[in-house]
Amino acid sequence: MVNYAAAADFSDHKKRKKYRSREEIEKRKAELNSRRNEDDWRQVARDVIYRQLAMIERSEYQLLQALRKRDVPEEIAKETIQKFVAAGLVDDFRFAQIYVRSQITTKCVSAKHLKFELQKHGVSRENIELALSQIDPAKEDASAIEFAKRKIAAMKNLDRAVIYRRLSGQLARRGFNPSQVRQAINAAFMDLDGSAPEE
């Protein structure tokens, strides 16, 4: 009886892809780009934007950065993005609203931190203010307190001064102001052992 499995040549399946250096990759990329005309670049731009939007809502600036990484000419990149804006597929106001809503429901972050993040994404001041207006100050305070209580549980064996410094740094990095930080740490210590913290 013939052992077809033994006789078969699977060498092609075992071949690894040829390794290319960064220089070779860049050279190949430049060659491909040099062959593209304006219509080709517009198609590239559309494909990139559709892929980006298929994953998550994006701001105009984020899309522009993605197109720049693909070497799409600036004029074509901006023109293509504006077509998506005109079609209602890209909207910085909608992006900001969704971004803030998502962050405040899944993470412990302050309005100040979210403002900084939206600025990095190229969102206008007006759209940022409108998006941040949906944040309830009381819920922001409660979020800081909840975060501090959760974190202090893992630090209970440390020196109280160390705990205070660590919590202060963690809350400050999330954009909470000094008053919110003190309030959150006080609540966390009271919850831990019923005593005030040592600053």
C-alpha atoms as a PDB file:
ATOM      1  CA  MET A   1       0.000   0.000   0.000  1.00  0.00           C
ATOM      2  CA  VAL A   2       1.386   3.379  -1.000  1.00  0.00           C
ATOM      3  CA  ASN A   3       1.914   5.874   1.784  1.00  0.00           C
ATOM      4  CA  TYR A   4       0.846   9.000  -0.047  1.00  0.00           C
ATOM      5  CA  ALA A   5       1.444  11.153   2.987  1.00  0.00           C
ATOM      6  CA  ALA A   6       5.071  10.078   3.149  1.00  0.00           C
ATOM      7  CA  ALA A   7       5.529  10.476  -0.602  1.00  0.00           C
ATOM      8  CA  ALA A   8       3.960  13.928  -0.753  1.00  0.00           C
ATOM      9  CA  ASP A   9       6.244  16.924  -0.932  1.00  0.00           C
ATOM     10  CA  PHE A  10       5.137  19.547   1.569  1.00  0.00           C
ATOM     11  CA  SER A  11       8.262  21.619   1.247  1.00  0.00           C
ATOM     12  CA  ASP A  12       6.388  24.513  -0.351  1.00  0.00           C
ATOM     13  CA  HIS A  13       4.136  24.761   2.658  1.00  0.00           C
ATOM     14  CA  LYS A  14       7.132  24.942   4.957  1.00  0.00           C
ATOM     15  CA  LYS A  15       8.879  27.722   3.103  1.00  0.00           C
ATOM     16  CA  ARG A  16       9.160  30.873   5.074  1.00  0.00           C
ATOM     17  CA  LYS A  17       8.535  34.276   3.616  1.00  0.00           C
ATOM     18  CA  LYS A  18      11.708  35.937   2.459  1.00  0.00           C
ATOM     19  CA  TYR A  19      12.978  38.390   5.040  1.00  0.00           C
ATOM     20  CA  ARG A  20      13.191  41.954   3.791  1.00  0.00           C
ATOM     21  CA  SER A  21      15.156  44.673   5.518  1.00  0.00           C
ATOM     22  CA  ARG A  22      13.592  48.025   6.305  1.00  0.00           C
ATOM     23  CA  GLU A  23      15.549  49.547   3.441  1.00  0.00           C
ATOM     24  CA  GLU A  24      14.182  46.954   0.992  1.00  0.00           C
ATOM     25  CA  ILE A  25      10.636  47.515   2.227  1.00  0.00           C
ATOM     26  CA  GLU A  26      10.959  51.288   1.851  1.00  0.00           C
ATOM     27  CA  LYS A  27      12.469  50.883  -1.616  1.00  0.00           C
ATOM     28  CA  ARG A  28       9.616  48.598  -2.700  1.00  0.00           C
ATOM     29  CA  LYS A  29       7.102  51.034  -1.254  1.00  0.00           C
ATOM     30  CA  ALA A  30       8.673  53.938  -3.130  1.00  0.00           C
ATOM     31  CA  GLU A  31       8.562  51.966  -6.381  1.00  0.00           C
ATOM     32  CA  LEU A  32       4.868  51.201  -5.952  1.00  0.00           C
ATOM     33  CA  ASN A  33       4.085  54.801  -5.049  1.00  0.00           C
ATOM     34  CA  SER A  34       5.943  56.120  -8.102  1.00  0.00           C
ATOM     35  CA  ARG A  35       3.639  54.135 -10.396  1.00  0.00           C
ATOM     36  CA  ARG A  36       0.442  55.557  -8.923  1.00  0.00           C
ATOM     37  CA  ASN A  37      -1.461  58.336 -10.637  1.00  0.00           C
ATOM     38  CA  GLU A  38      -4.022  60.639  -8.981  1.00  0.00           C
ATOM     39  CA  ASP A  39      -6.881  58.197  -9.450  1.00  0.00           C
ATOM     40  CA  ASP A  40      -4.795  55.436  -7.885  1.00  0.00           C
ATOM     41  CA  TRP A  41      -4.023  57.633  -4.884  1.00  0.00           C
ATOM     42  CA  ARG A  42      -7.683  58.544  -4.467  1.00  0.00           C
ATOM     43  CA  GLN A  43      -8.546  54.848  -4.394  1.00  0.00           C
ATOM     44  CA  VAL A  44      -5.808  54.209  -1.837  1.00  0.00           C
ATOM     45  CA  ALA A  45      -7.148  57.074   0.291  1.00  0.00           C
ATOM     46  CA  ARG A  46     -10.715  55.763   0.134  1.00  0.00           C
ATOM     47  CA  ASP A  47      -9.607  52.237   1.032  1.00  0.00           C
ATOM     48  CA  VAL A  48      -7.577  53.445   4.015  1.00  0.00           C
ATOM     49  CA  ILE A  49     -10.436  55.575   5.335  1.00  0.00           C
ATOM     50  CA  TYR A  50     -13.004  52.807   4.961  1.00  0.00           C
ATOM     51  CA  ARG A  51     -10.727  50.415   6.859  1.00  0.00           C
ATOM     52  CA  GLN A  52     -10.171  52.976   9.615  1.00  0.00           C
ATOM     53  CA  LEU A  53     -13.879  53.680   9.998  1.00  0.00           C
ATOM     54  CA  ALA A  54     -14.709  49.983   9.996  1.00  0.00           C
ATOM     55  CA  MET A  55     -12.802  49.638  13.277  1.00  0.00           C
ATOM     56  CA  ILE A  56     -13.969  52.689  15.210  1.00  0.00           C
ATOM     57  CA  GLU A  57     -15.182  56.269  14.822  1.00  0.00           C
ATOM     58  CA  ARG A  58     -12.302  58.545  13.757  1.00  0.00           C
ATOM     59  CA  SER A  59     -11.660  62.273  13.715  1.00  0.00           C
ATOM     60  CA  GLU A  60     -10.598  64.103  10.564  1.00  0.00           C
ATOM     61  CA  TYR A  61      -7.108  64.556  11.986  1.00  0.00           C
ATOM     62  CA  GLN A  62      -6.731  60.862  12.798  1.00  0.00           C
ATOM     63  CA  LEU A  63      -7.677  59.963   9.238  1.00  0.00           C
ATOM     64  CA  LEU A  64      -5.259  62.529   7.837  1.00  0.00           C
ATOM     65  CA  GLN A  65      -2.469  61.013   9.913  1.00  0.00           C
ATOM     66  CA  ALA A  66      -3.355  57.528   8.637  1.00  0.00           C
ATOM     67  CA  LEU A  67      -3.224  58.755   5.030  1.00  0.00           C
ATOM     68  CA  ARG A  68       0.103  60.480   5.607  1.00  0.00           C
ATOM     69  CA  LYS A  69       1.545  57.190   6.849  1.00  0.00           C
ATOM     70  CA  ARG A  70       0.518  55.662   3.532  1.00  0.00           C
ATOM     71  CA  ASP A  71       2.229  58.545   1.667  1.00  0.00           C
ATOM     72  CA  VAL A  72      -1.028  59.774   0.132  1.00  0.00           C
ATOM     73  CA  PRO A  73      -0.417  63.261  -1.328  1.00  0.00           C
ATOM     74  CA  GLU A  74      -1.641  65.933   1.104  1.00  0.00           C
ATOM     75  CA  GLU A  75      -4.083  67.577  -1.303  1.00  0.00           C
ATOM     76  CA  ILE A  76      -5.689  64.269  -2.255  1.00  0.00           C
ATOM     77  CA  ALA A  77      -5.806  63.174   1.391  1.00  0.00           C
ATOM     78  CA  LYS A  78      -7.633  66.310   2.539  1.00  0.00           C
ATOM     79  CA  GLU A  79      -9.940  66.291  -0.490  1.00  0.00           C
ATOM     80  CA  THR A  80     -10.921  62.655   0.139  1.00  0.00           C
ATOM     81  CA  ILE A  81     -11.556  63.241   3.838  1.00  0.00           C
ATOM     82  CA  GLN A  82     -13.826  66.183   3.024  1.00  0.00           C
ATOM     83  CA  LYS A  83     -15.863  63.964   0.721  1.00  0.00           C
ATOM     84  CA  PHE A  84     -16.432  61.586   3.618  1.00  0.00           C
ATOM     85  CA  VAL A  85     -17.361  64.554   5.803  1.00  0.00           C
ATOM     86  CA  ALA A  86     -19.861  65.766   3.196  1.00  0.00           C
ATOM     87  CA  ALA A  87     -21.372  62.277   3.065  1.00  0.00           C
ATOM     88  CA  GLY A  88     -21.804  62.277   6.847  1.00  0.00           C
ATOM     89  CA  LEU A  89     -19.396  59.374   7.342  1.00  0.00           C
ATOM     90  CA  VAL A  90     -16.859  61.485   9.217  1.00  0.00           C
ATOM     91  CA  ASP A  91     -17.983  63.982  11.850  1.00  0.00           C
ATOM     92  CA  ASP A  92     -15.692  65.436  14.522  1.00  0.00           C
ATOM     93  CA  PHE A  93     -18.643  66.434  16.717  1.00  0.00           C
ATOM     94  CA  ARG A  94     -20.006  62.879  16.659  1.00  0.00           C
ATOM     95  CA  PHE A  95     -16.515  61.477  17.231  1.00  0.00           C
ATOM     96  CA  ALA A  96     -16.003  63.680  20.313  1.00  0.00           C
ATOM     97  CA  GLN A  97     -19.407  62.762  21.763  1.00  0.00           C
ATOM     98  CA  ILE A  98     -18.813  59.029  21.318  1.00  0.00           C
ATOM     99  CA  TYR A  99     -15.230  59.237  22.566  1.00  0.00           C
ATOM    100  CA  VAL A 100     -16.178  61.004  25.794  1.00  0.00           C
ATOM    101  CA  ARG A 101     -19.157  58.719  26.413  1.00  0.00           C
ATOM    102  CA  SER A 102     -17.012  55.640  25.895  1.00  0.00           C
ATOM    103  CA  GLN A 103     -14.181  56.827  28.113  1.00  0.00           C
ATOM    104  CA  ILE A 104     -16.314  57.892  31.073  1.00  0.00           C
ATOM    105  CA  THR A 105     -18.187  54.584  31.082  1.00  0.00           C
ATOM    106  CA  THR A 106     -15.134  52.310  30.788  1.00  0.00           C
ATOM    107  CA  LYS A 107     -12.295  54.226  32.458  1.00  0.00           C
ATOM    108  CA  CYS A 108     -11.581  56.486  35.400  1.00  0.00           C
ATOM    109  CA  VAL A 109     -10.705  59.730  33.635  1.00  0.00           C
ATOM    110  CA  SER A 110     -11.401  63.399  34.272  1.00  0.00           C
ATOM    111  CA  ALA A 111     -12.819  66.028  31.955  1.00  0.00           C
ATOM    112  CA  LYS A 112      -9.385  67.648  31.901  1.00  0.00           C
ATOM    113  CA  HIS A 113      -7.778  64.431  30.662  1.00  0.00           C
ATOM    114  CA  LEU A 114     -10.449  63.941  28.011  1.00  0.00           C
ATOM    115  CA  LYS A 115      -9.993  67.523  26.829  1.00  0.00           C
ATOM    116  CA  PHE A 116      -6.279  66.866  26.348  1.00  0.00           C
ATOM    117  CA  GLU A 117      -6.958  63.625  24.453  1.00  0.00           C
ATOM    118  CA  LEU A 118      -9.492  65.263  22.134  1.00  0.00           C
ATOM    119  CA  GLN A 119      -7.067  68.089  21.418  1.00  0.00           C
ATOM    120  CA  LYS A 120      -4.487  65.474  20.396  1.00  0.00           C
ATOM    121  CA  HIS A 121      -7.054  64.031  17.992  1.00  0.00           C
ATOM    122  CA  GLY A 122      -7.463  67.436  16.342  1.00  0.00           C
ATOM    123  CA  VAL A 123     -10.981  68.174  17.567  1.00  0.00           C
ATOM    124  CA  SER A 124     -11.973  71.847  17.669  1.00  0.00           C
ATOM    125  CA  ARG A 125     -12.415  73.704  20.963  1.00  0.00           C
ATOM    126  CA  GLU A 126     -16.128  74.132  20.323  1.00  0.00           C
ATOM    127  CA  ASN A 127     -16.710  70.421  19.725  1.00  0.00           C
ATOM    128  CA  ILE A 128     -14.610  69.547  22.771  1.00  0.00           C
ATOM    129  CA  GLU A 129     -16.660  71.814  25.024  1.00  0.00           C
ATOM    130  CA  LEU A 130     -19.899  70.386  23.693  1.00  0.00           C
ATOM    131  CA  ALA A 131     -18.699  66.824  24.209  1.00  0.00           C
ATOM    132  CA  LEU A 132     -17.467  67.497  27.746  1.00  0.00           C
ATOM    133  CA  SER A 133     -20.763  69.131  28.707  1.00  0.00           C
ATOM    134  CA  GLN A 134     -22.297  65.651  28.973  1.00  0.00           C
ATOM    135  CA  ILE A 135     -20.063  64.886  31.985  1.00  0.00           C
ATOM    136  CA  ASP A 136     -21.809  65.228  35.354  1.00  0.00           C
ATOM    137  CA  PRO A 137     -19.328  66.833  37.851  1.00  0.00           C
ATOM    138  CA  ALA A 138     -20.773  64.726  40.665  1.00  0.00           C
ATOM    139  CA  LYS A 139     -20.173  61.533  38.689  1.00  0.00           C
ATOM    140  CA  GLU A 140     -16.636  62.698  37.910  1.00  0.00           C
ATOM    141  CA  ASP A 141     -15.977  63.091  41.666  1.00  0.00           C
ATOM    142  CA  ALA A 142     -17.534  59.687  42.320  1.00  0.00           C
ATOM    143  CA  SER A 143     -15.333  58.131  39.643  1.00  0.00           C
ATOM    144  CA  ALA A 144     -12.199  59.467  41.347  1.00  0.00           C
ATOM    145  CA  ILE A 145     -13.369  58.122  44.718  1.00  0.00           C
ATOM    146  CA  GLU A 146     -14.194  54.713  43.266  1.00  0.00           C
ATOM    147  CA  PHE A 147     -10.763  54.559  41.614  1.00  0.00           C
ATOM    148  CA  ALA A 148      -8.961  55.477  44.857  1.00  0.00           C
ATOM    149  CA  LYS A 149     -10.907  52.891  46.858  1.00  0.00           C
ATOM    150  CA  ARG A 150     -10.126  50.188  44.328  1.00  0.00           C
ATOM    151  CA  LYS A 151      -6.418  51.009  44.231  1.00  0.00           C
ATOM    152  CA  ILE A 152      -5.928  51.390  47.974  1.00  0.00           C
ATOM    153  CA  ALA A 153      -7.105  47.846  48.569  1.00  0.00           C
ATOM    154  CA  ALA A 154      -3.938  46.562  46.887  1.00  0.00           C
ATOM    155  CA  MET A 155      -1.716  48.936  48.905  1.00  0.00           C
ATOM    156  CA  LYS A 156      -3.044  48.318  52.413  1.00  0.00           C
ATOM    157  CA  ASN A 157       0.248  46.792  53.583  1.00  0.00           C
ATOM    158  CA  LEU A 158       2.293  49.825  52.556  1.00  0.00           C
ATOM    159  CA  ASP A 159       3.186  52.824  54.644  1.00  0.00           C
ATOM    160  CA  ARG A 160       0.330  55.348  54.704  1.00  0.00           C
ATOM    161  CA  ALA A 161       2.543  58.152  53.380  1.00  0.00           C
ATOM    162  CA  VAL A 162       3.561  55.944  50.449  1.00  0.00           C
ATOM    163  CA  ILE A 163      -0.066  55.114  49.726  1.00  0.00           C
ATOM    164  CA  TYR A 164      -0.968  58.793  49.756  1.00  0.00           C
ATOM    165  CA  ARG A 165       1.817  59.688  47.305  1.00  0.00           C
ATOM    166  CA  ARG A 166       0.973  56.864  44.949  1.00  0.00           C
ATOM    167  CA  LEU A 167      -2.736  57.590  44.901  1.00  0.00           C
ATOM    168  CA  SER A 168      -2.070  61.298  44.430  1.00  0.00           C
ATOM    169  CA  GLY A 169       0.132  60.601  41.418  1.00  0.00           C
ATOM    170  CA  GLN A 170      -2.288  58.152  39.836  1.00  0.00           C
ATOM    171  CA  LEU A 171      -5.252  60.487  40.187  1.00  0.00           C
ATOM    172  CA  ALA A 172      -3.295  63.523  39.014  1.00  0.00           C
ATOM    173  CA  ARG A 173      -2.162  61.657  35.888  1.00  0.00           C
ATOM    174  CA  ARG A 174      -5.823  61.088  35.089  1.00  0.00           C
ATOM    175  CA  GLY A 175      -6.403  64.819  35.193  1.00  0.00           C
ATOM    176  CA  PHE A 176      -8.237  65.160  38.501  1.00  0.00           C
ATOM    177  CA  ASN A 177      -7.704  68.496  40.238  1.00  0.00           C
ATOM    178  CA  PRO A 178      -6.120  68.788  43.742  1.00  0.00           C
ATOM    179  CA  SER A 179      -9.503  69.111  45.435  1.00  0.00           C
ATOM    180  CA  GLN A 180     -10.815  65.947  43.755  1.00  0.00           C
ATOM    181  CA  VAL A 181      -7.593  64.107  44.598  1.00  0.00           C
ATOM    182  CA  ARG A 182      -7.821  64.977  48.304  1.00  0.00           C
ATOM    183  CA  GLN A 183     -11.506  64.110  48.434  1.00  0.00           C
ATOM    184  CA  ALA A 184     -10.939  60.751  46.755  1.00  0.00           C
ATOM    185  CA  ILE A 185      -7.980  59.802  48.955  1.00  0.00           C
ATOM    186  CA  ASN A 186      -9.809  60.819  52.142  1.00  0.00           C
ATOM    187  CA  ALA A 187     -12.761  58.646  51.143  1.00  0.00           C
ATOM    188  CA  ALA A 188     -10.451  55.742  50.301  1.00  0.00           C
ATOM    189  CA  PHE A 189      -8.654  55.862  53.660  1.00  0.00           C
ATOM    190  CA  MET A 190     -11.927  56.177  55.558  1.00  0.00           C
ATOM    191  CA  ASP A 191     -13.233  53.165  53.681  1.00  0.00           C
ATOM    192  CA  LEU A 192     -10.023  51.244  54.413  1.00  0.00           C
ATOM    193  CA  ASP A 193      -9.652  51.792  58.142  1.00  0.00           C
ATOM    194  CA  GLY A 194     -11.877  54.683  59.182  1.00  0.00           C
ATOM    195  CA  SER A 195      -9.042  57.176  59.667  1.00  0.00           C
ATOM    196  CA  ALA A 196      -7.826  60.255  57.806  1.00  0.00           C
ATOM    197  CA  PRO A 197      -4.744  59.977  55.572  1.00  0.00           C
ATOM    198  CA  GLU A 198      -1.314  61.314  56.381  1.00  0.00           C
ATOM    199  CA  GLU A 199      -0.371  63.854  53.735  1.00  0.00           C
END
